[in-house]
């Protein structure tokens, strides 16, 4: 048997594991929170915006799948940008990924503490959040297979809770809650699509973990497609039930619209089930973020875009343990002290830039490597550009500022470590 190289990760994730990682990253705040915000800007027609967002996400997802099949390495778009465009684009993708996921992780951890406290008030919400971050960091540290099994358990609980809500609310749907269907016109639908696009973006986590997936050329494209289709169907079904049961005005006025839906139903234990689902959804997102961030640190450490010690892999657990520990510490600090507001705003810009680079990389692939041709990544680029136009100017300025700070840090790191070599 071939001895595993000192700097290799273990290829142990199956199709089921990869789909679980994708769904764990997607089914979080998007379905439990953002649906209410989208309902406020477009009324019942936010379902149309949801479909548009899903289609654009599918274009981006196919570009990611095409790239990951040829370049199955940790880092995802960071790697593709380096190989197919130039190092500046590669670094931009990696840095923006880190910023957006780290800022989101602090918010998600706080959200988990809040939901779990409603179920079992064993400690203050912030202490529950801290305990969750420590537990999930440890789960990641002791091997990708263990983290994958834990993720599947968490995702299964979330999916079952949402399926229970769908079947509970299906008979309570009222047709009048869908009228008027388009109260805010086409512009409302466009804004809803931009908001809801971010609810689909977790599928890229599969590509980020490509170095740990078995038969990546076959598994990753399948996993990304299954993840996106499942998410679109689930989001549409939940949205139809939510609108039909309580209407978009009530959804828009609530920070937890699905709990309002549960309160309006008489199904046994529905409130508890949805609270459990919201808790596990936040937990799943947090787990997948620690996975993705640490692998991005590994990839960037290999090229000295971050300090090279991040490329170190644990000899027994075969994980980038220093990246995992660093990720856990940063998320802990953000959970305790709060996330910087301008970084949260910048996250929306950063994710569009990230996927823009993904699609441009797919366009630059040689013809013999293109599984879906040029039309899919071209439509993905157009979708990202159109959605970026809807962003406020201060969001774009924040994003550009964070990116420039990253390039300055990269300059210092290269100057320090390249000189030593």
Foldseek 3Di string as FASTA:
>chain_A
DDDDDQLAFAQDQELLLLLLLLLLQQQALLQFFLLLQLCVLWFLLLLVLLVVLLLLLVLLLLLQLLVCLVVLAAARLLVLCVVQPNNLLSLLLLLLLLLLLLQVLLVLLLQLLVLVCVVPVPDHSLVSSLVLLVVLLVQVLQAPVSLSVVSNVLSVLLVVLLVVLLVQQVVQFDPCLCPPVGPNPPVSSLLSNLSSSVSNPSSSLSSNNSSRHPSSNPSSSVSSVVNSVVVSVSSSSSSSSLSRNPHSVQSNVDRGSSLVSQVSTDPPPSNVSVSSSNSSSSSSSSSSSLSNQLSSLLVCLVVLLDPVLSSRADSPRSGSSVSSVVSSVSSSCCNVVNRDPLSNLLSSVSSLSSSLSSLVSSCSDPPVSNPPPNPSSVSSNVSSVSSVVVRDPSNVVSNVVSSVVSVVSSVVSCVVPVVVD
